[in-house]
Protein backbone atom coordinates (compact mmCIF):
# COMPACT_ATOMS: atom_id res chain seq x y z
CA MET A 1 81.75 89.05 97.42
CA SER A 2 84.29 88.85 94.61
CA GLN A 3 84.66 91.39 91.86
CA PRO A 4 85.61 90.77 88.21
CA ALA A 5 89.09 91.62 87.00
CA THR A 6 89.44 95.02 85.37
CA GLN A 7 92.09 97.12 83.74
CA LEU A 8 93.29 98.36 87.17
CA SER A 9 96.09 95.84 87.28
CA ALA A 10 99.53 97.17 86.39
CA GLU A 11 101.39 98.29 89.50
CA ARG A 12 103.98 100.98 90.15
CA LEU A 13 105.72 100.72 93.52
CA VAL A 14 106.29 104.08 95.21
CA HIS A 15 106.95 103.04 98.82
CA ALA A 16 108.61 100.03 100.40
CA PRO A 17 108.32 99.14 104.10
CA SER A 18 110.71 100.90 106.46
CA ALA A 19 113.41 98.90 108.18
CA GLY A 20 112.04 100.02 111.56
CA ASP A 21 108.94 98.73 113.30
CA GLU A 22 108.62 101.25 116.14
CA TRP A 23 105.02 101.97 117.17
CA TRP A 24 105.16 105.57 115.98
CA ARG A 25 105.89 104.50 112.40
CA ARG A 26 102.38 103.06 112.04
CA SER A 27 100.57 104.80 114.93
CA VAL A 28 96.98 105.96 115.05
CA ILE A 29 96.75 108.95 117.41
CA TYR A 30 93.45 110.47 118.50
CA GLN A 31 93.35 114.21 119.14
CA VAL A 32 91.25 115.33 122.09
CA TYR A 33 90.24 118.98 122.32
CA PRO A 34 89.70 118.93 126.10
CA ARG A 35 87.20 121.76 126.44
CA SER A 36 84.91 120.08 123.90
CA PHE A 37 85.25 116.40 124.79
CA ARG A 38 83.25 115.75 127.99
CA ASP A 39 82.22 117.96 130.91
CA THR A 40 81.86 116.31 134.35
CA THR A 41 81.56 119.40 136.55
CA GLY A 42 78.56 121.09 134.96
CA ASP A 43 80.39 124.30 134.08
CA GLY A 44 79.91 123.76 130.34
CA MET A 45 83.63 123.15 129.81
CA GLY A 46 85.20 119.78 129.09
CA ASP A 47 87.76 118.57 131.61
CA LEU A 48 90.43 115.94 132.27
CA PRO A 49 88.13 113.72 134.41
CA GLY A 50 85.73 113.71 131.45
CA ILE A 51 88.47 112.36 129.20
CA THR A 52 89.39 109.72 131.79
CA ARG A 53 85.74 108.68 132.17
CA GLU A 54 85.23 108.22 128.44
CA LEU A 55 88.69 106.91 127.57
CA HIS A 56 87.27 103.45 126.91
CA HIS A 57 85.38 104.88 123.93
CA ILE A 58 88.64 106.11 122.42
CA ALA A 59 90.37 102.81 123.18
CA SER A 60 87.54 100.90 121.48
CA LEU A 61 88.48 102.57 118.20
CA GLY A 62 91.81 100.76 118.26
CA VAL A 63 94.16 103.75 118.51
CA ASP A 64 97.64 103.84 120.06
CA ALA A 65 97.74 107.22 121.77
CA VAL A 66 95.76 110.29 122.73
CA TRP A 67 97.06 113.79 122.00
CA LEU A 68 95.61 116.42 124.34
CA SER A 69 95.31 119.95 123.02
CA PRO A 70 96.56 122.49 125.60
CA PHE A 71 95.32 122.04 129.16
CA CYS A 72 98.00 124.00 131.05
CA ARG A 73 97.25 127.08 133.14
CA SER A 74 96.22 129.94 130.86
CA PRO A 75 94.08 133.09 130.65
CA GLN A 76 92.40 131.26 127.74
CA LYS A 77 92.56 134.16 125.30
CA ASP A 78 93.48 131.64 122.58
CA ALA A 79 91.96 128.43 123.92
CA GLY A 80 95.02 127.54 126.00
CA TYR A 81 97.68 128.32 123.41
CA ASP A 82 98.52 131.30 125.59
CA VAL A 83 100.25 129.50 128.47
CA SER A 84 100.94 131.22 131.80
CA ASP A 85 102.29 128.13 133.62
CA TYR A 86 103.65 125.21 131.60
CA CYS A 87 103.85 122.90 134.64
CA ASP A 88 100.32 123.08 135.97
CA VAL A 89 96.81 122.18 134.83
CA ASP A 90 94.38 125.01 134.30
CA PRO A 91 91.66 124.79 137.01
CA MET A 92 88.96 124.73 134.34
CA PHE A 93 90.31 121.32 133.29
CA GLY A 94 91.19 119.93 136.72
CA THR A 95 94.41 119.34 138.60
CA LEU A 96 97.76 117.61 138.23
CA ASP A 97 96.24 114.69 140.13
CA ASP A 98 93.58 114.48 137.41
CA PHE A 99 96.34 114.33 134.81
CA ASP A 100 98.03 111.52 136.75
CA ASP A 101 94.72 109.64 136.90
CA LEU A 102 94.33 110.04 133.14
CA VAL A 103 97.81 108.65 132.49
CA ALA A 104 97.11 105.69 134.79
CA GLU A 105 93.81 104.95 133.06
CA ALA A 106 95.48 105.27 129.65
CA ARG A 107 98.06 102.69 130.68
CA ARG A 108 95.25 100.27 131.56
CA HIS A 109 93.98 100.70 128.02
CA GLU A 110 97.52 100.47 126.58
CA LEU A 111 97.34 104.06 125.38
CA LYS A 112 99.97 106.80 125.53
CA ILE A 113 99.17 110.39 126.45
CA ILE A 114 100.77 113.02 124.19
CA VAL A 115 101.05 116.53 125.67
CA ASP A 116 100.65 119.65 123.53
CA LEU A 117 103.67 121.90 124.05
CA VAL A 118 103.64 125.57 122.98
CA PRO A 119 107.27 126.74 122.81
CA ASN A 120 107.09 129.60 120.31
CA HIS A 121 105.15 131.92 122.58
CA CYS A 122 103.53 132.17 126.00
CA SER A 123 100.81 134.26 127.60
CA ASP A 124 101.46 137.88 128.41
CA ALA A 125 100.45 136.83 131.95
CA HIS A 126 103.42 134.44 132.20
CA PRO A 127 105.72 135.51 135.06
CA LEU A 128 108.71 135.68 132.72
CA PHE A 129 106.96 138.14 130.42
CA GLN A 130 105.63 140.16 133.32
CA ALA A 131 109.20 140.41 134.62
CA ALA A 132 110.35 141.51 131.16
CA LEU A 133 107.74 144.27 131.06
CA ALA A 134 108.93 145.51 134.43
CA ALA A 135 112.60 145.44 133.40
CA ALA A 136 114.57 147.98 131.43
CA PRO A 137 115.41 147.76 127.71
CA GLY A 138 118.47 145.57 127.16
CA SER A 139 117.96 143.71 130.46
CA PRO A 140 118.38 139.92 130.78
CA GLU A 141 114.63 139.66 131.41
CA ARG A 142 113.82 141.24 128.06
CA GLU A 143 116.35 139.06 126.25
CA LEU A 144 113.96 136.13 126.78
CA PHE A 145 111.58 137.74 124.28
CA HIS A 146 111.85 139.94 121.17
CA PHE A 147 111.75 143.54 122.42
CA ARG A 148 112.81 146.21 119.94
CA ASP A 149 112.76 149.96 119.59
CA GLY A 150 110.29 151.25 117.03
CA ARG A 151 111.05 152.84 113.68
CA GLY A 152 110.15 156.29 112.47
CA PRO A 153 109.72 159.51 114.45
CA ASP A 154 109.75 158.82 118.19
CA GLY A 155 109.70 155.06 117.47
CA ASN A 156 106.03 155.17 116.54
CA GLU A 157 106.34 152.57 113.76
CA PRO A 158 106.67 148.82 114.44
CA PRO A 159 110.24 147.45 114.19
CA ASN A 160 109.39 145.64 110.95
CA ASN A 161 106.40 144.92 108.72
CA TRP A 162 105.56 141.42 109.97
CA GLN A 163 101.88 140.62 110.31
CA SER A 164 100.14 138.43 112.87
CA HIS A 165 98.58 135.11 111.84
CA PHE A 166 95.41 136.40 113.49
CA GLY A 167 95.36 139.68 111.58
CA GLY A 168 96.98 143.06 112.16
CA PRO A 169 100.61 143.86 113.02
CA ALA A 170 102.82 141.28 114.74
CA TRP A 171 104.08 143.96 117.14
CA THR A 172 102.57 145.69 120.16
CA ARG A 173 104.05 148.70 121.88
CA THR A 174 104.57 148.74 125.63
CA THR A 175 104.04 151.62 128.04
CA ASP A 176 106.80 152.62 130.44
CA ASP A 177 106.20 153.21 134.14
CA ASP A 178 106.01 156.96 133.59
CA GLY A 179 103.27 156.51 130.98
CA ALA A 180 105.53 157.19 128.01
CA PRO A 181 105.45 154.83 124.98
CA GLY A 182 108.11 152.16 125.30
CA GLN A 183 109.58 149.35 123.22
CA TRP A 184 107.65 146.99 121.00
CA TYR A 185 107.41 143.20 121.45
CA LEU A 186 106.89 140.54 118.78
CA HIS A 187 103.87 138.23 118.67
CA LEU A 188 103.31 136.14 115.54
CA PHE A 189 99.85 135.37 116.90
CA ASP A 190 97.67 137.40 119.29
CA SER A 191 99.06 140.40 121.17
CA SER A 192 98.54 138.35 124.34
CA GLN A 193 101.06 135.76 123.04
CA PRO A 194 104.62 137.21 123.05
CA ASP A 195 107.19 135.16 121.14
CA PHE A 196 110.09 133.68 123.06
CA ASN A 197 113.62 134.49 121.90
CA TRP A 198 115.12 131.07 121.21
CA ASP A 199 118.58 132.56 120.77
CA SER A 200 118.56 132.74 124.58
CA ASP A 201 120.17 129.85 126.46
CA ALA A 202 117.83 130.59 129.37
CA VAL A 203 114.78 129.92 127.16
CA ARG A 204 116.25 126.62 126.00
CA ALA A 205 117.01 125.56 129.59
CA GLU A 206 113.50 126.48 130.71
CA PHE A 207 111.87 124.28 128.08
CA GLU A 208 114.13 121.35 128.85
CA ARG A 209 112.86 121.67 132.41
CA ILE A 210 109.27 121.66 131.14
CA LEU A 211 109.85 118.60 128.95
CA ARG A 212 111.25 116.66 131.89
CA PHE A 213 108.38 117.72 134.15
CA TRP A 214 105.78 116.03 131.93
CA LEU A 215 107.97 113.07 130.97
CA ASP A 216 108.52 112.38 134.65
CA ARG A 217 104.72 112.32 135.09
CA GLY A 218 104.35 109.68 132.39
CA ALA A 219 103.70 111.66 129.22
CA GLY A 220 104.25 109.58 126.12
CA GLY A 221 105.66 112.50 124.19
CA PHE A 222 104.83 115.92 122.82
CA ARG A 223 103.05 117.53 119.94
CA VAL A 224 105.13 120.68 119.36
CA ASP A 225 103.10 123.73 118.36
CA VAL A 226 104.44 126.00 115.59
CA ALA A 227 107.64 123.94 115.44
CA HIS A 228 108.85 125.83 112.37
CA ALA A 229 108.85 129.29 113.97
CA LEU A 230 111.08 129.20 117.06
CA ILE A 231 114.16 130.75 115.44
CA LYS A 232 113.93 134.11 113.67
CA GLU A 233 116.38 135.54 111.14
CA PRO A 234 118.96 137.79 112.87
CA GLY A 235 118.00 141.42 112.53
CA LEU A 236 114.32 140.54 111.95
CA PRO A 237 114.23 141.86 108.36
CA ASP A 238 111.03 142.91 106.60
CA TRP A 239 109.00 140.25 104.80
CA GLY A 240 106.79 140.84 101.81
CA GLY A 241 105.11 137.44 101.76
CA ARG A 242 102.11 135.97 103.55
CA PRO A 243 101.99 136.09 107.37
CA ASP A 244 101.89 132.27 107.51
CA GLY A 245 104.94 131.99 105.24
CA ARG A 246 103.17 129.92 102.61
CA SER A 247 105.01 130.36 99.33
CA THR A 248 103.73 132.95 96.91
CA GLU A 249 105.27 134.34 93.74
CA GLY A 250 108.54 136.01 94.66
CA PHE A 251 108.27 135.01 98.31
CA PRO A 252 109.08 131.31 98.83
CA PHE A 253 108.70 129.77 102.28
CA SER A 254 112.46 129.21 102.39
CA ASP A 255 112.98 133.00 102.50
CA ALA A 256 110.50 133.74 105.30
CA PRO A 257 112.63 135.25 108.09
CA MET A 258 110.37 133.97 110.85
CA PHE A 259 110.01 130.36 109.69
CA GLY A 260 112.13 127.35 108.89
CA ARG A 261 115.50 128.81 109.89
CA ALA A 262 118.27 126.21 109.92
CA ALA A 263 119.11 126.75 113.60
CA VAL A 264 115.67 125.52 114.67
CA HIS A 265 116.81 121.97 113.99
CA ASP A 266 119.48 122.24 116.68
CA VAL A 267 116.69 122.70 119.23
CA PHE A 268 114.92 119.54 118.20
CA ARG A 269 118.10 117.49 118.03
CA SER A 270 118.68 118.33 121.68
CA TRP A 271 115.08 117.45 122.51
CA ARG A 272 115.38 114.09 120.74
CA GLN A 273 118.37 113.24 122.92
CA LEU A 274 116.38 114.27 125.99
CA VAL A 275 113.29 112.13 125.28
CA GLU A 276 115.48 109.13 124.46
CA GLU A 277 116.72 109.19 128.04
CA TYR A 278 113.25 107.93 129.02
CA ASP A 279 111.87 104.44 128.50
CA GLY A 280 108.67 103.66 126.63
CA ASP A 281 109.63 104.93 123.16
CA ARG A 282 108.33 108.47 123.73
CA ILE A 283 107.87 110.72 120.74
CA LEU A 284 108.06 114.24 119.36
CA CYS A 285 105.59 115.31 116.67
CA GLY A 286 106.11 118.70 115.09
CA GLU A 287 103.47 121.07 113.84
CA ALA A 288 105.92 122.20 111.19
CA ASN A 289 103.73 124.09 108.76
CA ALA A 290 106.47 124.15 106.15
CA HIS A 291 106.05 124.24 102.38
CA PRO A 292 106.34 122.44 100.09
CA VAL A 293 105.85 118.97 101.58
CA GLU A 294 109.46 118.07 100.80
CA THR A 295 110.56 120.73 103.28
CA MET A 296 108.68 119.10 106.14
CA ALA A 297 110.94 116.08 105.94
CA ASP A 298 113.71 118.22 107.44
CA TRP A 299 111.97 118.01 110.82
CA VAL A 300 111.94 114.19 110.91
CA ARG A 301 115.52 113.31 110.10
CA SER A 302 116.80 110.43 112.20
CA ASP A 303 118.16 112.63 115.00
CA GLU A 304 115.22 115.05 115.18
CA MET A 305 111.48 114.53 115.56
CA HIS A 306 109.71 111.22 115.11
CA GLN A 307 106.74 112.66 113.21
CA THR A 308 105.45 115.88 111.70
CA PHE A 309 101.99 116.68 110.43
CA ASN A 310 101.41 116.54 106.70
CA PHE A 311 99.73 119.87 106.03
CA ASP A 312 99.72 119.38 102.27
CA TYR A 313 97.49 116.34 102.78
CA LEU A 314 95.37 118.19 105.34
CA GLY A 315 94.69 120.95 102.84
CA ALA A 316 94.29 118.76 99.76
CA ALA A 317 91.25 119.26 97.57
CA TRP A 318 88.67 116.50 97.38
CA GLY A 319 89.49 114.15 94.55
CA ALA A 320 91.52 111.16 93.47
CA GLU A 321 94.06 113.15 91.49
CA SER A 322 94.64 115.59 94.34
CA PHE A 323 95.09 112.87 96.97
CA ARG A 324 97.30 110.79 94.75
CA GLY A 325 99.65 113.68 94.03
CA VAL A 326 100.14 114.56 97.70
CA VAL A 327 100.56 110.92 98.74
CA GLU A 328 103.24 110.25 96.15
CA ARG A 329 105.21 113.41 96.91
CA SER A 330 104.92 112.84 100.65
CA LEU A 331 106.13 109.26 100.58
CA SER A 332 109.04 110.21 98.35
CA ALA A 333 110.08 113.07 100.66
CA PHE A 334 109.78 111.18 103.94
CA ASP A 335 111.24 107.94 102.60
CA ALA A 336 114.36 109.91 101.71
CA VAL A 337 115.04 110.50 105.42
CA GLY A 338 113.75 107.15 106.67
CA ALA A 339 110.73 108.69 108.42
CA PRO A 340 107.03 107.82 108.37
CA THR A 341 104.50 110.13 106.84
CA THR A 342 101.58 111.11 109.07
CA TRP A 343 98.20 111.53 107.44
CA VAL A 344 95.58 113.91 108.83
CA LEU A 345 92.28 115.13 107.42
CA SER A 346 90.95 117.36 110.23
CA ASN A 347 92.11 119.12 113.38
CA HIS A 348 91.16 121.97 115.71
CA ASP A 349 92.50 124.67 113.35
CA ILE A 350 90.83 123.74 110.08
CA THR A 351 87.30 123.28 108.84
CA ARG A 352 86.35 119.62 109.27
CA HIS A 353 86.82 117.56 106.13
CA SER A 354 83.15 116.60 106.02
CA THR A 355 82.27 120.27 105.51
CA ARG A 356 85.22 121.11 103.25
CA PHE A 357 84.44 118.27 100.88
CA GLY A 358 80.72 119.02 100.98
CA LEU A 359 81.47 122.58 99.92
CA GLY A 360 83.99 121.49 97.32
CA MET A 361 86.55 123.75 98.99
CA THR A 362 90.08 123.21 100.25
CA GLY A 363 92.25 124.42 103.07
CA ARG A 364 91.02 126.62 105.90
CA VAL A 365 87.49 127.48 104.85
CA ASN A 366 87.24 129.15 108.26
CA GLU A 367 89.80 131.77 107.21
CA GLY A 368 87.22 133.33 104.95
CA GLY A 369 84.32 135.53 105.98
CA LYS A 370 80.60 134.95 105.63
CA ILE A 371 80.90 131.18 105.48
CA SER A 372 77.45 130.99 107.07
CA ASP A 373 76.20 132.21 103.67
CA LEU A 374 77.56 129.07 102.04
CA VAL A 375 75.18 126.20 101.39
CA VAL A 376 76.72 122.87 102.28
CA ASP A 377 75.28 119.50 101.29
CA GLU A 378 75.96 117.63 104.55
CA ASP A 379 75.03 114.25 103.11
CA LEU A 380 77.41 114.70 100.18
CA GLY A 381 80.10 115.95 102.55
CA LEU A 382 79.66 112.93 104.81
CA ARG A 383 79.85 110.50 101.88
CA ARG A 384 83.05 112.12 100.66
CA ALA A 385 84.50 112.32 104.18
CA ARG A 386 83.90 108.60 104.74
CA ALA A 387 85.48 107.79 101.38
CA ALA A 388 88.50 110.02 102.11
CA SER A 389 88.89 108.45 105.55
CA LEU A 390 88.86 104.95 104.12
CA PHE A 391 91.40 105.98 101.48
CA THR A 392 93.61 107.43 104.25
CA LEU A 393 93.43 104.69 106.87
CA ALA A 394 95.11 102.09 104.66
CA LEU A 395 98.09 104.29 103.79
CA PRO A 396 101.48 103.28 105.21
CA GLY A 397 102.62 105.58 107.99
CA GLY A 398 100.89 107.21 110.94
CA VAL A 399 97.38 108.64 111.16
CA TYR A 400 95.96 111.42 113.33
CA LEU A 401 92.22 111.49 114.02
CA TYR A 402 90.45 114.57 115.33
CA GLN A 403 87.75 113.97 117.90
CA GLY A 404 84.35 113.72 116.25
CA GLU A 405 85.55 112.78 112.80
CA GLU A 406 84.72 109.18 113.72
CA LEU A 407 81.15 110.45 114.12
CA GLY A 408 81.21 112.26 110.79
CA LEU A 409 80.82 115.68 112.41
CA PRO A 410 80.65 118.74 110.14
CA ASP A 411 81.55 122.28 111.15
CA PHE A 412 78.89 124.45 112.77
CA LEU A 413 78.91 126.99 109.95
CA ASP A 414 75.92 128.94 111.26
CA LEU A 415 77.34 129.56 114.73
CA PRO A 416 75.95 132.99 115.71
CA ASP A 417 78.58 135.67 116.08
CA GLU A 418 77.70 136.32 119.73
CA PHE A 419 79.06 132.89 120.65
CA ARG A 420 82.38 133.21 118.81
CA GLN A 421 85.58 133.19 120.88
CA ASP A 422 88.45 132.77 118.41
CA PRO A 423 90.79 135.80 118.51
CA THR A 424 91.00 135.64 114.72
CA PHE A 425 87.36 136.74 114.54
CA PHE A 426 87.95 139.76 116.75
CA ARG A 427 91.34 140.86 115.36
CA THR A 428 89.90 140.88 111.82
CA ARG A 429 86.58 142.41 112.94
CA GLY A 430 84.70 139.43 111.62
CA GLU A 431 86.33 139.31 108.20
CA ARG A 432 87.69 135.87 109.17
CA VAL A 433 85.25 133.88 111.24
CA GLY A 434 87.93 131.78 112.89
CA ARG A 435 88.03 128.21 114.11
CA ASP A 436 85.13 127.94 116.56
CA GLY A 437 83.01 125.95 114.11
CA CYS A 438 85.33 122.93 114.23
CA ARG A 439 85.68 123.12 118.04
CA VAL A 440 82.04 122.63 119.02
CA PRO A 441 81.53 120.09 121.87
CA LEU A 442 80.88 116.47 120.96
CA PRO A 443 77.37 114.99 120.84
CA TRP A 444 77.15 111.98 123.16
CA VAL A 445 73.42 111.36 123.67
CA ALA A 446 70.73 112.26 121.15
CA GLY A 447 67.90 114.34 122.59
CA ALA A 448 69.70 115.09 125.86
CA PRO A 449 70.42 118.66 126.98
CA GLY A 450 73.69 119.66 125.38
CA LEU A 451 73.56 116.31 123.57
CA GLY A 452 75.00 114.70 126.70
CA PHE A 453 78.23 116.70 126.61
CA SER A 454 77.67 118.50 129.91
CA THR A 455 75.83 117.90 133.16
CA ARG A 456 74.88 121.59 133.19
CA PRO A 457 71.10 122.02 132.91
CA GLY A 458 69.98 123.18 129.52
CA SER A 459 67.16 122.81 127.07
CA SER A 460 67.16 120.13 124.39
CA GLU A 461 64.69 122.23 122.42
CA HIS A 462 66.83 124.24 120.10
CA ASP A 463 67.52 124.73 116.43
CA ASP A 464 70.44 125.84 114.33
CA ALA A 465 69.38 129.47 114.52
CA THR A 466 69.00 129.41 118.32
CA PRO A 467 71.45 126.74 119.45
CA THR A 468 71.71 125.33 122.95
CA SER A 469 74.03 127.30 125.20
CA ASN A 470 74.71 124.93 128.09
CA ALA A 471 78.27 124.40 126.81
CA TRP A 472 81.12 126.83 126.15
CA LEU A 473 80.17 126.69 122.48
CA PRO A 474 76.63 125.70 121.46
CA GLN A 475 75.68 122.73 119.29
CA PRO A 476 73.13 122.71 116.48
CA ARG A 477 70.00 120.64 117.09
CA HIS A 478 70.40 118.48 114.02
CA TRP A 479 73.54 116.97 115.52
CA ASP A 480 71.27 114.38 117.13
CA ARG A 481 71.99 112.30 114.03
CA TYR A 482 75.70 112.30 114.85
CA ALA A 483 75.41 111.40 118.56
CA ARG A 484 77.64 108.57 119.72
CA ASP A 485 74.80 106.60 121.33
CA VAL A 486 72.89 106.61 118.03
CA GLN A 487 75.87 105.36 116.05
CA ALA A 488 77.25 102.75 118.47
CA GLY A 489 76.32 99.28 117.23
CA ASP A 490 74.82 100.52 113.95
CA PRO A 491 76.83 98.70 111.26
CA ASP A 492 76.12 101.46 108.74
CA SER A 493 77.34 104.31 110.97
CA THR A 494 80.51 106.32 110.55
CA LEU A 495 81.63 105.26 114.04
CA GLU A 496 81.45 101.56 113.20
CA LEU A 497 83.17 102.16 109.85
CA TYR A 498 86.15 103.67 111.69
CA ARG A 499 86.23 100.78 114.16
CA ARG A 500 86.20 98.18 111.40
CA ALA A 501 88.77 100.02 109.29
CA LEU A 502 91.19 100.46 112.19
CA ALA A 503 90.81 96.81 113.14
CA VAL A 504 91.63 95.68 109.59
CA ARG A 505 94.51 98.17 109.46
CA ALA A 506 96.01 96.62 112.59
CA GLU A 507 95.38 93.01 111.55
CA ARG A 508 97.04 93.53 108.17
CA GLY A 509 99.89 95.73 109.37
CA LEU A 510 98.99 98.42 106.85
CA GLY A 511 100.79 101.18 108.74
CA LEU A 512 104.12 99.41 108.18
CA GLY A 513 103.24 98.25 104.70
CA ASP A 514 104.13 99.29 101.17
CA LEU A 515 102.28 101.20 98.47
CA ALA A 516 101.98 100.56 94.77
CA TRP A 517 99.62 102.46 92.50
CA LEU A 518 97.31 100.40 90.33
CA GLU A 519 97.61 102.02 86.95
CA SER A 520 94.63 102.50 84.66
CA ARG A 521 94.68 102.11 80.92
CA PRO A 522 95.98 105.13 78.95
CA GLY A 523 93.38 107.83 78.59
CA ALA A 524 91.26 106.55 81.50
CA THR A 525 89.65 108.95 83.95
CA THR A 526 91.81 110.57 86.60
CA ASP A 527 88.87 110.50 89.03
CA VAL A 528 89.89 107.07 90.36
CA ALA A 529 92.87 106.43 92.61
CA ALA A 530 93.77 102.86 93.49
CA TYR A 531 96.70 101.45 95.43
CA ARG A 532 97.85 98.17 96.89
CA ASN A 533 99.27 97.77 100.39
CA GLY A 534 100.21 94.13 100.87
CA ARG A 535 97.11 92.09 100.01
CA THR A 536 94.82 95.07 100.49
CA VAL A 537 93.71 97.14 97.51
CA VAL A 538 92.08 100.53 98.09
CA VAL A 539 90.03 102.24 95.40
CA LEU A 540 88.61 105.78 95.60
CA ASN A 541 86.11 107.07 93.04
CA SER A 542 85.72 110.85 93.07
CA GLY A 543 84.15 110.98 89.62
CA ASP A 544 80.57 111.16 88.39
CA GLU A 545 80.29 107.62 87.02
CA PRO A 546 80.71 104.15 88.57
CA ALA A 547 84.26 102.81 88.39
CA ASP A 548 85.62 99.33 87.77
CA LEU A 549 87.21 97.35 90.59
CA PRO A 550 90.01 94.80 90.42
CA ALA A 551 89.38 91.18 91.28
CA GLY A 552 89.17 90.51 95.01
CA SER A 553 86.94 90.03 98.02
CA VAL A 554 85.37 93.13 99.51
CA LEU A 555 86.66 94.01 102.97
CA LEU A 556 85.06 97.42 103.50
CA GLU A 557 82.83 99.91 101.69
CA SER A 558 82.78 103.58 102.67
CA THR A 559 78.98 103.62 102.60
CA PRO A 560 76.32 100.92 102.28
CA GLY A 561 75.79 100.21 98.61
CA ALA A 562 79.11 101.75 97.57
CA ILE A 563 79.53 98.75 95.28
CA ASN A 564 76.53 98.50 93.00
CA ALA A 565 74.79 95.43 91.59
CA ASP A 566 77.19 95.47 88.63
CA GLY A 567 80.17 95.16 90.98
CA ARG A 568 81.33 98.70 90.30
CA LEU A 569 82.24 101.46 92.77
CA VAL A 570 79.72 104.29 92.81
CA PRO A 571 80.78 107.98 92.81
CA ASP A 572 82.02 109.61 96.03
CA ALA A 573 82.93 106.26 97.52
CA ALA A 574 85.87 104.05 98.43
CA ALA A 575 86.39 100.35 99.05
CA TRP A 576 89.00 97.96 100.41
CA LEU A 577 89.47 94.58 98.76
CA ASP A 578 91.52 91.52 99.62
CA VAL A 579 93.52 90.39 96.59
CA GLU A 580 95.91 87.60 95.72
CA HIS A 581 99.57 88.55 95.12
């Protein structure tokens, strides 16, 4: 089907192909949240054998690697981000042998396994922290963490005014052996997650040991949690800005004493040298939640990390103008250091983009309270999510997919409070509902107990008000429509759209391509964003009226009927076209 020429013709080049062709410059990496992927033991918790068993489904999407959210030994007070042993698998997920089997199966599918590493903090059950608690103030054991005397009379006030990401103070006071109040320790997250002191050579040596442990077992690299926070400003001065460091008036991110300190880059330079000792082009991807987007490029200079997540894109509002602005700024910033941009629309910490766009909201909707009171149009959200995904998957650079987005999953907004497990919910006494809604187990089989996620017995007769509870988090009944078995083979499904888009992306080398905006006539609507990558033109219409398309043959539509009988793109839709140079 060819479309008539329109006024979307003048081009403005904003990105040229990189000189490098390494796999990570154009990679598609699929994030698995292990506890919610597939349960094979019947305990209601996903596990490593479940990932191995279903790995062929991930491979069939056409991705390059699988990133596993934390699976190491942990008390699980923060879903594994509170690690008690960095070199073992938590029994709820399996064993080290299970990890080895997963790596072997991934190799058969030509996939890499990316391990989630949590270096900013550990569990308070970690032997090193337990030894620090038992040791005296000023001891070598306590130097591995941030222990400080309190302020005020008898040291009753925290050492500074820093606040936890999860709500409340970022300090907890210890109790000495004689029962007297002791020193305070720093935790940017939950009180069960003490921050390491990265000024300590012993901490740095310990993590080099951990890196080698997993690389020796075949890991393809690491996603580095909170990569912007390892180094703190000497003296730990007070901070008047937001706990997450996001810039506000008078308090720019660059001044946050707990984030983005220059010395953190020395850590990652040493890690880059370490991973390059191994064959297989292994990678480091930083969760560097730095602002603005230009700042994130500091983490991916040629001697540091290979990738970092683009949080400005992750939090972008629905709409052509919003997406276009972030894309242009991102490409400019990352091109300046010769690094690829990575594009991500959803992950385990943020409300899924299907729900965000259906609500017309941005950022972490789950950071607000009473979101169950919000009315979301799931069909509208799904249309917009599919359009945003199509817009994203043709961009040059890397892409991260969060499990379930290929099914079009929304958040479970109406999850009853009695099922919630996120520490954010409890530390804020329900004022912030937390992230459980985007972590609900996947639906595999429509109509089956637990939608086929778990072998644990459970009823398939449930509704959104009384969800099934045969998994660690329940699923709403209406998720039958999103089940993988229903979507597989259906050409109109979200699953098949992702498969087709990723196949075309690979065939056309879009990840290593260029980008030029197709400019509209002066005064035209800003609700349309269109770009060319090689011979592929992508058009997104976030407006209320149908939009013109340039001449070309249609490759993909975000939804059936996205191009109407007049050859125009309907609202809340996107399309890919093949065009002549």
